[in-house]
Protein backbone atom coordinates (compact mmCIF):
# COMPACT_ATOMS: atom_id res chain seq x y z
CA MET A 1 0.03 0.40 0.31
CA SER A 2 1.36 3.56 -0.92
CA SER A 3 2.00 6.04 1.49
CA MET A 4 -0.60 7.99 -0.39
CA ARG A 5 -2.93 5.33 0.51
CA LEU A 6 -2.28 4.83 3.69
CA TYR A 7 -2.36 8.54 4.75
CA ILE A 8 -6.33 8.74 2.88
CA LEU A 9 -6.93 5.20 4.93
CA LEU A 10 -6.52 7.19 8.19
CA TRP A 11 -7.91 9.76 7.53
CA LEU A 12 -11.09 8.78 6.78
CA LEU A 13 -11.08 6.31 10.00
CA LEU A 14 -10.36 9.39 11.87
CA LEU A 15 -13.79 11.20 10.13
CA ALA A 16 -15.74 8.15 11.00
CA GLY A 17 -14.35 7.82 14.48
CA CYS A 18 -15.61 11.55 15.54
CA GLY A 19 -19.01 11.05 13.79
CA ALA A 20 -19.42 7.78 16.36
CA SER A 21 -21.70 8.69 19.41
CA THR A 22 -20.41 7.70 22.95
CA GLY A 23 -23.56 8.36 25.05
CA VAL A 24 -21.66 11.46 26.70
CA ARG A 25 -22.80 14.74 25.32
CA GLU A 26 -20.07 17.30 25.80
CA PRO A 27 -20.86 20.63 26.78
CA SER A 28 -21.40 23.58 23.94
CA VAL A 29 -20.76 27.19 23.53
CA LEU A 30 -24.52 27.19 23.87
CA ASP A 31 -24.13 25.35 27.73
CA ARG A 32 -21.51 27.24 29.18
CA GLU A 33 -23.60 30.65 28.36
CA GLU A 34 -26.04 29.48 29.75
CA ASP A 35 -24.28 28.70 33.36
CA THR A 36 -23.37 32.70 33.38
CA ILE A 37 -25.07 35.36 35.49
CA ALA A 38 -26.31 36.64 31.84
CA GLY A 39 -27.19 33.82 30.80
CA LEU A 40 -29.11 32.80 34.38
CA LEU A 41 -31.06 36.24 33.53
CA ALA A 42 -31.82 35.28 30.24
CA ARG A 43 -33.34 32.08 31.28
CA ALA A 44 -35.11 33.65 34.34
CA GLU A 45 -37.24 35.94 31.61
CA THR A 46 -39.02 32.89 29.81
CA ALA A 47 -39.47 30.83 32.90
CA ALA A 48 -42.00 31.46 35.16
CA GLY A 49 -42.55 30.41 39.17
CA VAL A 50 -39.93 28.82 41.53
CA GLU A 51 -38.32 28.01 38.62
CA ALA A 52 -37.83 31.95 37.53
CA ALA A 53 -37.24 32.30 41.34
CA LEU A 54 -34.22 29.83 41.17
CA LEU A 55 -32.16 31.60 38.37
CA ARG A 56 -32.26 35.17 39.86
CA LEU A 57 -31.60 33.64 43.45
CA ASP A 58 -28.65 31.95 41.49
CA ALA A 59 -27.65 34.90 39.70
CA GLY A 60 -27.80 37.67 42.57
CA GLU A 61 -25.61 35.13 44.57
CA ARG A 62 -22.97 35.04 42.18
CA LEU A 63 -22.97 38.56 41.42
CA LEU A 64 -22.94 39.44 44.78
CA ALA A 65 -19.50 36.84 45.32
CA GLU A 66 -18.27 38.65 42.44
CA GLY A 67 -18.81 41.87 44.46
CA ARG A 68 -20.97 43.86 41.86
CA LEU A 69 -23.58 44.46 45.01
CA SER A 70 -25.61 47.18 43.32
CA GLU A 71 -26.61 44.33 40.19
CA ALA A 72 -27.35 42.04 43.11
CA GLU A 73 -29.53 44.27 44.70
CA GLN A 74 -31.61 44.69 41.51
CA VAL A 75 -32.04 41.05 40.59
CA ALA A 76 -32.98 40.35 44.65
CA GLU A 77 -36.11 42.39 43.78
CA ASP A 78 -36.69 41.37 40.93
CA ALA A 79 -37.14 37.59 42.72
CA MET A 80 -39.76 39.52 44.55
CA PRO A 81 -42.47 37.94 45.66
CA ALA A 82 -40.44 34.77 46.31
CA PRO A 83 -42.11 31.86 46.38
CA PRO A 84 -42.96 30.56 50.01
CA GLU A 85 -39.91 27.94 49.99
CA LEU A 86 -37.43 30.60 49.03
CA GLU A 87 -38.55 33.45 51.23
CA VAL A 88 -35.84 32.48 53.27
CA ARG A 89 -32.99 32.48 50.84
CA LEU A 90 -34.21 35.38 49.20
CA VAL A 91 -33.66 37.46 52.50
CA LEU A 92 -30.72 36.15 53.18
CA LEU A 93 -29.44 36.96 49.99
CA ARG A 94 -30.82 40.30 50.89
CA SER A 95 -29.69 41.18 53.65
CA ARG A 96 -26.26 39.62 52.58
CA ILE A 97 -25.80 43.04 50.22
CA ASN A 98 -26.40 45.12 52.59
CA LEU A 99 -23.71 43.95 54.54
CA ALA A 100 -21.70 43.62 51.86
CA ALA A 101 -22.40 47.61 51.37
CA ASP A 102 -21.83 48.09 55.23
CA ASP A 103 -24.99 48.75 55.89
CA GLY A 104 -24.89 46.52 58.92
CA ALA A 105 -27.96 48.57 60.86
CA THR A 106 -30.88 47.50 57.55
CA ALA A 107 -28.92 43.79 56.81
CA MET A 108 -30.41 43.15 60.80
CA ALA A 109 -33.81 44.51 60.28
CA ARG A 110 -33.96 41.97 57.16
CA LEU A 111 -32.83 39.41 58.94
CA ARG A 112 -35.19 39.89 61.39
CA GLU A 113 -38.01 39.07 58.74
CA ILE A 114 -37.15 35.57 59.18
CA GLY A 115 -37.75 33.86 62.57
CA VAL A 116 -35.04 32.51 64.83
CA PRO A 117 -34.28 29.21 63.57
CA GLY A 118 -34.39 25.75 65.42
CA ARG A 119 -31.61 23.70 65.10
CA SER A 120 -33.11 21.79 62.52
CA ALA A 121 -34.20 24.04 60.21
CA ASP A 122 -32.09 23.54 56.81
CA TYR A 123 -30.89 27.77 57.30
CA PHE A 124 -30.02 27.16 60.82
CA VAL A 125 -25.90 27.36 59.67
CA ASP A 126 -26.42 30.42 57.98
CA TYR A 127 -28.54 32.42 59.98
CA TYR A 128 -26.35 32.46 62.83
CA GLN A 129 -23.40 32.51 60.61
CA LEU A 130 -24.81 35.69 59.31
CA LEU A 131 -26.12 37.03 62.56
CA GLY A 132 -22.72 36.46 63.86
CA ASP A 133 -21.44 38.73 60.79
CA ILE A 134 -24.19 41.66 60.84
CA ASN A 135 -23.25 42.21 65.16
CA SER A 136 -19.35 42.09 64.40
CA VAL A 137 -20.22 44.78 61.74
CA LEU A 138 -22.53 46.54 64.35
CA GLU A 139 -19.51 46.86 66.85
CA GLN A 140 -21.25 44.06 69.08
CA PRO A 141 -18.73 41.86 69.66
CA ARG A 142 -20.35 39.47 72.28
CA GLN A 143 -23.61 39.06 70.38
CA ALA A 144 -21.01 37.98 67.25
CA ILE A 145 -19.32 35.49 69.04
CA GLY A 146 -22.93 33.78 70.73
CA ALA A 147 -24.30 33.76 67.13
CA TRP A 148 -21.14 32.43 66.17
CA ALA A 149 -20.15 29.59 68.35
CA GLU A 150 -24.00 28.53 67.64
CA VAL A 151 -22.82 26.86 64.31
CA SER A 152 -18.50 26.47 65.54
CA GLY A 153 -19.53 22.84 66.31
CA LEU A 154 -21.31 22.34 62.86
CA ARG A 155 -19.31 23.65 60.47
CA ASP A 156 -15.94 21.40 58.83
CA GLY A 157 -13.47 21.93 56.30
CA ALA A 158 -12.95 25.71 55.30
CA GLY A 159 -15.94 26.99 56.21
CA GLY A 160 -15.56 26.16 59.99
CA GLU A 161 -12.04 27.27 59.83
CA ASP A 162 -13.07 30.66 58.94
CA VAL A 163 -15.91 30.71 61.82
CA ARG A 164 -13.30 29.68 64.36
CA ARG A 165 -11.38 32.82 63.11
CA LYS A 166 -13.57 35.27 63.48
CA ILE A 167 -14.85 33.85 67.38
CA TRP A 168 -10.94 33.72 68.08
CA ALA A 169 -10.11 37.24 66.85
CA THR A 170 -13.03 38.65 68.24
CA LEU A 171 -12.12 36.78 71.74
CA GLU A 172 -9.07 38.49 71.84
CA ALA A 173 -9.94 42.11 71.34
CA LEU A 174 -12.24 41.64 74.87
CA SER A 175 -11.20 42.30 77.81
CA GLY A 176 -10.41 40.28 81.06
CA ARG A 177 -13.30 41.70 82.60
CA GLU A 178 -15.56 41.40 79.25
CA LEU A 179 -14.83 38.12 79.57
CA GLU A 180 -15.88 37.53 83.05
CA GLU A 181 -18.90 39.05 82.21
CA MET A 182 -19.63 36.99 79.30
CA ALA A 183 -18.62 33.69 81.15
CA ALA A 184 -20.99 34.91 83.95
CA SER A 185 -24.20 34.69 81.46
CA SER A 186 -23.20 31.99 79.13
CA THR A 187 -25.15 28.77 79.74
CA SER A 188 -23.81 27.44 76.12
CA TYR A 189 -21.67 24.86 75.99
CA GLU A 190 -19.83 25.56 72.99
CA LEU A 191 -19.74 29.27 74.07
CA ARG A 192 -18.65 28.98 77.58
CA GLY A 193 -15.85 26.58 76.22
CA TRP A 194 -14.42 29.52 73.93
CA ILE A 195 -14.95 32.04 76.31
CA GLU A 196 -13.00 29.45 78.71
CA LEU A 197 -10.33 29.08 76.01
CA ALA A 198 -9.56 32.64 75.98
CA ARG A 199 -9.35 33.06 79.24
CA VAL A 200 -6.68 30.63 79.50
CA VAL A 201 -5.13 32.04 76.69
CA ASP A 202 -5.03 35.84 77.76
CA SER A 203 -4.00 35.19 81.50
CA GLY A 204 -1.05 33.60 80.52
CA GLN A 205 -0.42 36.06 77.76
CA TYR A 206 3.34 37.22 79.41
CA SER A 207 4.65 33.48 79.18
CA ILE A 208 4.52 31.08 76.30
CA PRO A 209 5.21 27.96 78.98
CA ARG A 210 2.32 28.95 80.65
CA GLN A 211 -0.10 29.60 78.10
CA LEU A 212 1.23 25.91 76.66
CA GLU A 213 0.16 24.12 79.68
CA SER A 214 -2.81 25.90 80.44
CA LEU A 215 -4.21 24.50 76.88
CA VAL A 216 -3.52 21.08 77.71
CA SER A 217 -5.22 21.90 81.01
CA TRP A 218 -8.77 23.08 78.81
CA ARG A 219 -8.58 20.58 76.57
CA ARG A 220 -8.84 18.02 79.06
CA SER A 221 -11.52 19.62 80.36
CA TRP A 222 -13.39 20.54 77.11
CA GLU A 223 -12.56 17.75 75.02
CA GLN A 224 -15.82 17.90 73.34
CA HIS A 225 -15.46 21.10 72.38
CA SER A 226 -14.70 22.35 68.24
CA ALA A 227 -11.14 24.16 69.37
CA ALA A 228 -10.36 20.92 70.95
CA ARG A 229 -10.51 19.83 68.13
CA GLN A 230 -8.60 21.80 65.94
CA LEU A 231 -6.97 25.17 68.03
CA PRO A 232 -7.36 28.37 66.62
CA GLU A 233 -4.04 28.60 64.16
CA GLN A 234 -2.64 31.29 66.35
CA LEU A 235 -2.68 28.78 69.42
CA ARG A 236 -1.39 25.79 66.89
CA GLN A 237 1.31 28.23 66.19
CA LEU A 238 2.88 28.31 70.25
CA GLU A 239 4.69 25.36 69.99
CA ALA A 240 6.65 26.51 67.15
CA ALA A 241 6.85 30.42 68.19
CA TRP A 242 8.49 28.72 71.47
CA ALA A 243 11.07 26.55 69.96
CA GLU A 244 12.23 29.28 67.93
CA ARG A 245 12.39 31.75 70.42
CA PRO A 246 15.53 34.38 71.10
CA ARG A 247 18.51 32.48 73.21
CA HIS A 248 20.54 35.14 73.61
CA ILE A 249 19.60 38.61 74.42
CA ALA A 250 21.80 41.41 73.96
CA LEU A 251 20.91 44.85 75.63
CA ILE A 252 22.05 48.03 74.01
CA LEU A 253 21.70 50.80 76.44
CA PRO A 254 22.94 54.69 78.22
CA LEU A 255 23.11 52.24 81.65
CA ARG A 256 25.09 55.77 83.01
CA GLU A 257 22.24 57.69 82.18
CA ALA A 258 18.83 57.74 84.75
CA ALA A 259 16.60 57.13 81.09
CA GLY A 260 19.28 53.64 80.65
CA ALA A 261 19.26 52.76 84.05
CA ALA A 262 15.60 52.67 84.38
CA ILE A 263 14.63 50.71 81.24
CA GLN A 264 17.17 48.17 82.08
CA GLN A 265 15.02 47.98 85.55
CA GLY A 266 12.22 47.64 84.18
CA PHE A 267 13.94 44.92 81.89
CA LEU A 268 15.05 42.59 84.39
CA ALA A 269 12.04 42.99 86.26
CA GLY A 270 10.51 41.56 83.62
CA TYR A 271 13.36 38.47 83.34
CA TYR A 272 12.76 37.69 86.65
CA GLU A 273 8.85 37.42 86.32
CA ALA A 274 9.48 34.93 83.45
CA LEU A 275 12.34 32.87 85.91
CA ALA A 276 9.36 32.14 88.34
CA VAL A 277 7.20 30.57 85.75
CA SER A 278 9.89 28.43 83.81
CA ARG A 279 13.70 27.58 83.97
CA GLU A 280 13.59 28.64 80.28
CA VAL A 281 14.61 32.00 80.06
CA PRO A 282 17.45 33.70 77.81
CA ARG A 283 20.62 34.87 78.25
CA ILE A 284 20.93 38.69 79.04
CA SER A 285 24.28 40.39 77.92
CA LEU A 286 24.24 44.08 78.33
CA PHE A 287 26.02 46.59 76.71
CA ASP A 288 26.64 50.00 77.44
CA SER A 289 25.59 52.81 74.44
CA SER A 290 26.82 56.02 77.33
CA GLY A 291 27.65 58.78 75.21
CA ALA A 292 27.95 56.77 72.57
CA ALA A 293 28.07 58.72 69.12
CA ASP A 294 28.46 55.36 66.87
CA ILE A 295 25.99 52.46 67.30
CA LEU A 296 28.01 50.04 65.28
CA PRO A 297 31.00 49.03 66.72
CA ILE A 298 28.98 48.30 70.06
CA TYR A 299 26.05 46.53 67.59
CA GLU A 300 29.00 44.67 65.83
CA ARG A 301 30.08 43.33 69.10
CA ALA A 302 27.22 42.23 70.64
CA VAL A 303 26.82 40.37 67.89
CA THR A 304 29.93 38.89 67.77
CA ALA A 305 28.89 37.87 70.87
CA GLY A 306 26.08 35.31 69.79
CA ALA A 307 23.10 37.36 70.45
CA ASP A 308 20.04 36.11 68.32
CA LEU A 309 18.27 39.71 69.02
CA ILE A 310 19.43 42.81 70.26
CA VAL A 311 17.56 45.26 72.47
CA GLY A 312 18.16 48.77 71.76
CA PRO A 313 19.77 51.26 71.00
CA LEU A 314 17.16 53.84 73.04
CA PHE A 315 18.11 57.58 71.42
CA LYS A 316 16.47 57.68 67.34
CA ASP A 317 20.01 59.14 65.58
CA LEU A 318 21.47 55.25 67.24
CA VAL A 319 18.78 53.69 65.24
CA ASN A 320 18.67 56.06 62.63
CA GLN A 321 22.27 54.64 62.01
CA LEU A 322 21.34 51.00 62.06
CA LEU A 323 18.80 52.32 59.39
CA GLU A 324 21.61 53.28 57.01
CA ALA A 325 23.77 50.43 57.77
CA GLY A 326 22.01 48.56 55.67
CA GLU A 327 20.36 44.93 56.48
CA LEU A 328 20.92 43.44 59.81
CA PRO A 329 22.32 40.32 60.59
CA THR A 330 20.16 40.29 63.63
CA PRO A 331 16.87 40.65 65.02
CA THR A 332 16.67 43.88 66.68
CA LEU A 333 14.47 45.63 68.54
CA ALA A 334 15.17 49.23 68.60
CA LEU A 335 13.71 51.51 71.77
CA ASN A 336 12.78 54.22 69.34
CA TYR A 337 11.66 55.13 65.83
CA THR A 338 13.33 55.68 62.55
CA ASP A 339 12.89 58.76 60.54
CA ALA A 340 12.25 56.10 57.91
CA ASP A 341 8.38 54.97 57.74
CA PRO A 342 7.62 51.89 56.04
CA LEU A 343 11.00 50.63 56.58
CA PRO A 344 12.59 49.02 53.99
CA GLY A 345 14.82 46.03 54.51
CA ASP A 346 13.89 42.03 55.26
CA GLY A 347 12.03 42.90 58.59
CA ARG A 348 14.52 42.39 60.92
CA LEU A 349 14.89 46.12 62.82
CA PHE A 350 11.52 46.15 64.77
CA GLN A 351 10.80 49.81 66.62
CA PHE A 352 9.04 50.30 70.02
CA ALA A 353 9.03 53.57 71.52
CA LEU A 354 7.33 55.67 74.14
CA ALA A 355 6.09 57.99 71.28
CA PRO A 356 3.22 60.96 72.17
CA GLU A 357 1.43 60.42 69.09
CA ASP A 358 0.25 57.45 70.37
CA GLU A 359 -0.40 59.63 73.63
CA ILE A 360 -2.41 62.16 71.39
CA ASP A 361 -4.02 59.09 69.84
CA ALA A 362 -5.41 58.26 72.71
CA ILE A 363 -6.62 61.76 73.92
CA ILE A 364 -8.15 62.28 70.31
CA ASP A 365 -10.12 59.10 71.00
CA LEU A 366 -11.31 59.78 74.78
CA ALA A 367 -12.97 63.38 73.67
CA TRP A 368 -14.79 61.86 70.46
CA GLN A 369 -16.08 58.88 72.41
CA ALA A 370 -17.47 61.79 74.93
CA GLY A 371 -18.85 63.49 71.84
CA HIS A 372 -16.90 66.28 71.78
CA ARG A 373 -16.09 68.47 67.74
CA ASN A 374 -14.62 71.54 68.75
CA ALA A 375 -10.84 71.62 70.04
CA ALA A 376 -9.09 74.37 71.61
CA ALA A 377 -5.41 73.62 72.57
CA ILE A 378 -2.49 75.29 74.90
CA TYR A 379 0.93 74.28 74.69
CA PRO A 380 4.65 75.42 75.44
CA ALA A 381 5.62 77.73 72.90
CA ASN A 382 8.40 75.89 71.69
CA ASP A 383 9.58 73.88 68.45
CA VAL A 384 8.48 70.72 69.42
CA PHE A 385 5.56 70.79 71.72
CA LEU A 386 4.44 72.90 68.25
CA ARG A 387 4.97 69.70 66.19
CA LEU A 388 2.96 67.67 68.61
CA GLN A 389 0.08 70.58 68.31
CA ASN A 390 -0.01 70.75 64.73
CA ILE A 391 -0.18 66.15 64.78
CA PHE A 392 -3.16 66.77 66.82
CA ALA A 393 -4.60 69.30 64.87
CA GLU A 394 -4.84 67.37 61.73
CA ARG A 395 -5.44 64.22 62.94
CA TRP A 396 -8.29 66.19 64.90
CA GLN A 397 -9.91 67.32 61.79
CA ALA A 398 -9.37 64.03 60.06
CA ARG A 399 -11.59 62.69 62.17
CA GLY A 400 -13.99 65.14 61.31
CA GLY A 401 -13.52 67.66 64.08
CA SER A 402 -12.30 71.42 64.03
CA PHE A 403 -9.35 73.05 65.54
CA VAL A 404 -10.89 76.58 66.34
CA SER A 405 -8.35 78.19 68.98
CA ARG A 406 -5.45 78.10 70.70
CA ALA A 407 -2.45 79.48 72.49
CA ALA A 408 1.27 79.12 73.42
CA TYR A 409 2.96 79.98 76.54
CA LEU A 410 6.67 80.63 77.79
CA GLY A 411 7.90 79.05 80.80
CA ALA A 412 6.13 79.03 84.22
CA GLY A 413 4.44 82.16 85.96
CA ASP A 414 1.41 83.89 85.40
CA PHE A 415 -1.22 82.04 82.51
CA THR A 416 -3.98 84.68 82.57
CA ASP A 417 -3.42 86.36 79.42
CA VAL A 418 -3.11 82.52 78.03
CA VAL A 419 -6.30 81.58 78.96
CA LYS A 420 -8.25 84.18 78.19
CA SER A 421 -6.42 84.21 74.61
CA VAL A 422 -7.28 80.78 74.00
CA LEU A 423 -10.98 81.52 75.17
CA ASP A 424 -11.41 84.92 73.50
CA ILE A 425 -11.78 86.90 76.80
CA ASP A 426 -9.23 89.47 75.78
CA ALA A 427 -11.36 90.35 72.58
CA SER A 428 -14.50 90.85 74.97
CA GLU A 429 -12.38 93.13 77.15
CA ALA A 430 -11.80 94.58 73.75
CA ARG A 431 -15.10 95.41 72.94
CA LEU A 432 -16.05 96.46 76.73
CA GLN A 433 -12.84 98.88 76.07
CA ARG A 434 -14.56 100.42 72.60
CA LEU A 435 -17.32 100.83 74.53
CA LEU A 436 -16.16 102.71 77.13
CA ASP A 437 -14.11 104.75 74.51
CA VAL A 438 -17.66 106.22 73.35
CA LEU A 439 -19.99 106.49 76.06
CA PRO A 440 -20.19 109.58 78.55
CA ARG A 441 -19.71 107.17 81.57
CA SER A 442 -16.98 104.57 82.81
CA ASN A 443 -19.28 103.38 85.10
CA VAL A 444 -20.24 100.23 83.03
CA ALA A 445 -21.33 97.07 84.34
CA PHE A 446 -19.44 94.26 82.61
CA THR A 447 -18.98 90.95 82.58
CA PRO A 448 -16.70 89.23 80.37
CA ARG A 449 -17.71 86.36 78.19
CA ARG A 450 -15.79 83.31 76.73
CA ARG A 451 -16.29 82.18 72.92
CA ARG A 452 -18.84 79.00 73.56
CA ASP A 453 -17.47 77.08 70.51
CA ILE A 454 -15.12 75.39 72.30
CA ASP A 455 -16.31 71.80 73.81
CA PHE A 456 -12.84 70.68 75.47
CA ILE A 457 -9.32 71.58 76.12
CA PHE A 458 -6.22 69.70 74.82
CA LEU A 459 -3.65 70.98 77.14
CA MET A 460 0.42 69.90 77.20
CA ALA A 461 1.79 70.64 80.24
CA ASN A 462 3.55 69.21 83.18
CA PRO A 463 1.84 68.96 87.08
CA GLN A 464 3.36 72.27 88.12
CA VAL A 465 2.25 74.34 85.04
CA GLY A 466 -1.23 72.25 85.00
CA ARG A 467 -1.80 73.70 88.89
CA GLN A 468 -1.80 77.38 87.47
CA ILE A 469 -3.92 76.72 84.28
CA LYS A 470 -6.89 74.68 85.32
CA PRO A 471 -7.76 77.18 88.30
CA ALA A 472 -7.01 79.96 85.27
CA LEU A 473 -9.93 77.98 82.82
CA ASP A 474 -12.29 77.88 85.71
CA PHE A 475 -11.86 81.50 86.49
CA TYR A 476 -12.47 82.52 83.28
CA PHE A 477 -15.46 81.25 82.91
CA ALA A 478 -14.79 77.70 81.57
CA ASP A 479 -15.06 75.45 84.84
CA ASP A 480 -17.82 73.16 82.73
CA LEU A 481 -15.04 72.77 79.66
CA PRO A 482 -13.03 68.95 80.01
CA VAL A 483 -9.60 69.37 79.85
CA PHE A 484 -7.73 66.44 78.15
CA ALA A 485 -4.08 66.33 79.01
CA LEU A 486 -1.12 64.08 77.79
CA PRO A 487 0.21 62.11 80.54
CA SER A 488 3.01 64.62 81.52
CA ILE A 489 0.17 66.29 83.74
CA TYR A 490 0.45 63.41 85.95
CA ASP A 491 4.36 62.85 87.95
CA GLY A 492 3.00 59.18 89.39
CA SER A 493 2.79 61.27 92.80
CA ASP A 494 -0.65 60.81 94.83
CA ASN A 495 -0.98 63.63 97.03
CA PRO A 496 -4.43 65.36 97.44
CA ASP A 497 -4.03 68.56 98.88
CA LEU A 498 -1.10 69.37 95.86
CA ASN A 499 -3.05 67.93 92.92
CA ARG A 500 -6.46 69.59 93.89
CA ASP A 501 -6.38 71.81 91.18
CA LEU A 502 -5.70 68.99 88.65
CA GLU A 503 -9.25 68.51 89.54
CA GLY A 504 -11.44 66.47 86.71
CA ILE A 505 -8.28 66.79 84.02
CA ILE A 506 -8.57 63.32 82.14
CA PHE A 507 -5.31 62.03 80.63
CA ALA A 508 -4.14 58.39 79.02
CA ASP A 509 -1.03 56.62 79.94
CA ALA A 510 0.70 53.59 81.01
CA PRO A 511 -1.08 50.90 82.74
CA LEU A 512 2.18 50.52 84.97
CA MET A 513 1.07 53.83 86.18
CA TRP A 514 -2.10 52.30 88.20
CA LEU A 515 -0.42 48.32 88.69
CA ASP A 516 1.33 47.18 91.77
CA LEU A 517 3.64 45.01 90.57
CA ASP A 518 6.31 42.84 93.15
CA VAL A 519 9.56 45.05 91.52
CA PRO A 520 10.15 48.21 93.06
CA LEU A 521 9.16 51.04 91.01
CA ALA A 522 10.08 54.78 90.82
CA SER A 523 8.07 57.51 92.13
CA GLY A 524 8.77 59.52 89.32
CA GLY A 525 6.61 59.44 86.23
CA THR A 526 9.10 59.66 83.43
CA GLU A 527 11.40 57.25 85.33
CA ARG A 528 8.21 54.75 86.19
CA ARG A 529 6.94 54.97 82.34
CA LEU A 530 10.58 54.34 81.05
CA GLN A 531 10.67 51.04 83.10
CA ALA A 532 7.86 49.85 81.96
CA MET A 533 9.20 49.94 78.45
CA GLY A 534 11.89 48.33 79.71
CA ILE A 535 9.26 44.93 81.01
CA ASP A 536 7.06 45.35 77.67
CA SER A 537 10.36 45.14 75.64
CA PHE A 538 11.75 41.55 77.70
CA ARG A 539 7.93 40.38 77.35
CA LEU A 540 7.97 41.15 73.71
CA TYR A 541 11.40 39.19 73.06
CA PRO A 542 8.84 35.61 71.93
CA ARG A 543 6.17 37.85 70.81
CA LEU A 544 7.88 39.32 67.39
CA GLN A 545 8.08 36.66 64.78
CA GLN A 546 4.51 36.06 66.33
CA PHE A 547 3.14 39.85 65.29
CA LEU A 548 4.85 39.98 61.87
CA ARG A 549 3.25 36.56 60.85
CA ARG A 550 0.09 38.25 62.70
CA GLN A 551 -0.21 34.88 64.94
CA VAL A 552 -0.75 37.42 67.63
CA THR A 553 -2.40 41.08 67.01
CA SER A 554 -1.60 42.47 70.63
CA LEU A 555 -0.15 41.91 73.43
CA ARG A 556 -1.36 43.72 76.88
CA GLY A 557 1.66 45.77 78.16
CA ALA A 558 3.05 48.01 80.88
CA THR A 559 3.06 50.09 78.59
CA GLY A 560 -0.35 49.97 77.19
CA GLU A 561 -1.69 47.11 75.18
CA LEU A 562 0.40 46.95 72.14
CA HIS A 563 -0.34 46.17 68.56
CA MET A 564 2.72 46.08 65.21
CA GLU A 565 1.95 48.01 62.08
CA GLU A 566 3.26 46.21 59.08
CA SER A 567 5.94 48.94 58.71
CA ARG A 568 7.13 46.63 62.10
CA ARG A 569 6.25 49.65 64.39
CA ILE A 570 4.87 48.39 67.23
CA HIS A 571 2.37 51.01 69.15
CA ARG A 572 0.76 51.49 72.44
CA ARG A 573 -2.82 51.89 73.27
CA LEU A 574 -3.13 53.75 76.32
CA THR A 575 -5.32 53.70 79.80
CA PRO A 576 -7.24 56.38 80.43
CA GLY A 577 -7.42 58.21 83.76
CA ARG A 578 -8.67 60.90 85.60
CA PHE A 579 -7.98 63.12 88.37
CA GLU A 580 -10.95 62.66 91.58
CA ASN A 581 -10.29 64.36 94.84
CA GLY A 582 -6.67 64.98 94.10
CA VAL A 583 -5.99 61.70 92.94
CA ALA A 584 -4.80 59.99 89.27
CA ALA A 585 -6.86 56.98 89.19
CA PRO A 586 -8.16 55.10 85.76
CA LEU A 587 -11.38 55.02 84.07
CA ALA A 588 -13.22 51.66 84.33
CA GLU A 589 -14.37 53.01 80.39
CA PRO A 590 -12.82 55.21 77.85
CA GLY A 591 -16.51 57.30 77.76
CA ASP A 592 -16.70 57.29 81.62
C-alpha cells in the first residue's frame, strides 16, 4: 500500500471516529453561556414561578460573590415576591448584600424578617453565621461571638475554620472583665468553652510556657468542644513560636544615664517575672552605649557575642544609624522610631517607642467618644510642642472635628493672658474698651464672656503648669469645659492637697502607673514609664515573629496594649485616667 493510500485510509477512519456517538454529550458553547450570570437571567425571563425565582437567586448570589452589589440588589428585587419555599433564601441574600455594602443596620432589619430558626432548620447555620457577621459590623462583639458559637461545632472544612478564626479574633479583642461578664451569663457549652479558652490564654499571655500548659489543661476539660478538635491557627503555632524564640539577648542601653538605668531595671523585672514561671529564660548580655556617637561598633560586639536578638539602642540618631547600615545580621528591637516609615529591608528591624503620637491618638479617641467636636489647645511655645500641637490638629480634623483656638505659653508664671487668649476673653474686654471710648460714663456693668464654640481643651503641660492653668480656666468661666492632657500632667505622686487644682483633668497613661507589681518602681512618672518600657521590651522578645506573622495582633503590656503595624512599628493603646479628689485614677471605660 502506497503511503498516499495509507494516509487517505487513516484520514477516513478518523472522520468515522469523530462521527461515532459515545453516549456522552460534550458541553457546548451555548451550555456554558447558560451557566453564566447573563445566561441565568436570560433563562429567568422565559421561566415562571419557582424556576424563575431560583434562576434569579442563583444569579444574585453570583453577583454578590463578584462584588457587583447594585446589580445583585436589583436581581433580588426582581425575584420578589418569592415563592414560600424560597422566601428565607431571598431574605438571606438581601441581608448579605446590605452587609457587603457595610450597612449593618439594614442587614439586621432584613434578617429579622425571618424567624429565629431551630437547630433542625435547613438554614440554621447560614442564619447564625450571618447574624454573627452583622453584629461584628455593628461593633457588637459579644453578640457576634454568641451567634458564631451556635454553629462553630457544626461546620467542617474551610467554612468551619473561617468561623473559628472570627470567634478567636473577636475574643482576643475583649478585655478580661468583658470575658468574665460573658462567662457569667453563658449557658451554651460551645460558647462557654470558647470563653474559657480565651481566659486561660489571656491569663498567660506574658509567658508562652504558661499558655502551653493552660492549653493542655483546657483540652482535657473541654474534649468535646470544636476548638479541642482543632485549635485556632494562632494557638496551633504557639509551640513553634516558643521553639524558635531567641536564646541570647543583647541589651544595648546608656546604662550610666537615668533613662537607660530605668529601662534596664524594667527589663530585668520582666526577666525575673518569666523566671518565676519557667527556667527556660534567655541569656542576657549588657552593652553600655552611654555617650556613644556611633552605635555600629557596639552593635557589632553584640552580634559577635552570639546574640540572636538585640534590644536597643535607645536614642533616635543611633537607631537611624542602624537603618542606614543596611540589612541587619540579627533581629533587632530598637527602642525608638527611625525617621523612615515604612521600613525597607527584610524585616529584622522592629521599633518600639514611648511616642507622644500614641498619647495624642489616645486623647483624640477619648474626646471623640465623649461626643466633643470642637477643640482648643494650650501648649508650650517651643518647636517640639508646636509639632505635637500640629499633629493633634491634623489628626483631630482628619477624624472630622474642628480646631477652633490655640494659645502657647512661655515657661512658668502668670498664665492669665494665655487662658484669656484661648477663650477669647481678651476680645470681649476689647469690646468693652471700645464701648467705654464712646460712652459718656465709665461705670458700665460688664461681665466678660468666653467663646462658646469650644467643646474641650487639649493641654500639654507638666503638673506645676497644670496646677496654674486649670484654676485660671475655671476663673474665666470655663469650669464646664473638659480638659484632656498628655500624660506629662501626672508625675506619679498621689497627693490630694497638691493635686486638687488638677481636678477633673482627663489623660491617658501607661497601665504601670496604676498597677502594683512585685518590683521596685520609681516614684517619678517619667522613670516609671521607662521602667514599663523595659518590662515590655522583655515581654516582646518571644512575640516579635508572632506579630510579624499575624499570629498575635495585640499584647497587654506595662506601657499599654501593644500592636504592630506592617512597618514593624509597635504602638501602644494607653489606659485612660482622671484626677478625682486630687488623686489620679484609671477610668473603667474610655467614655466614663
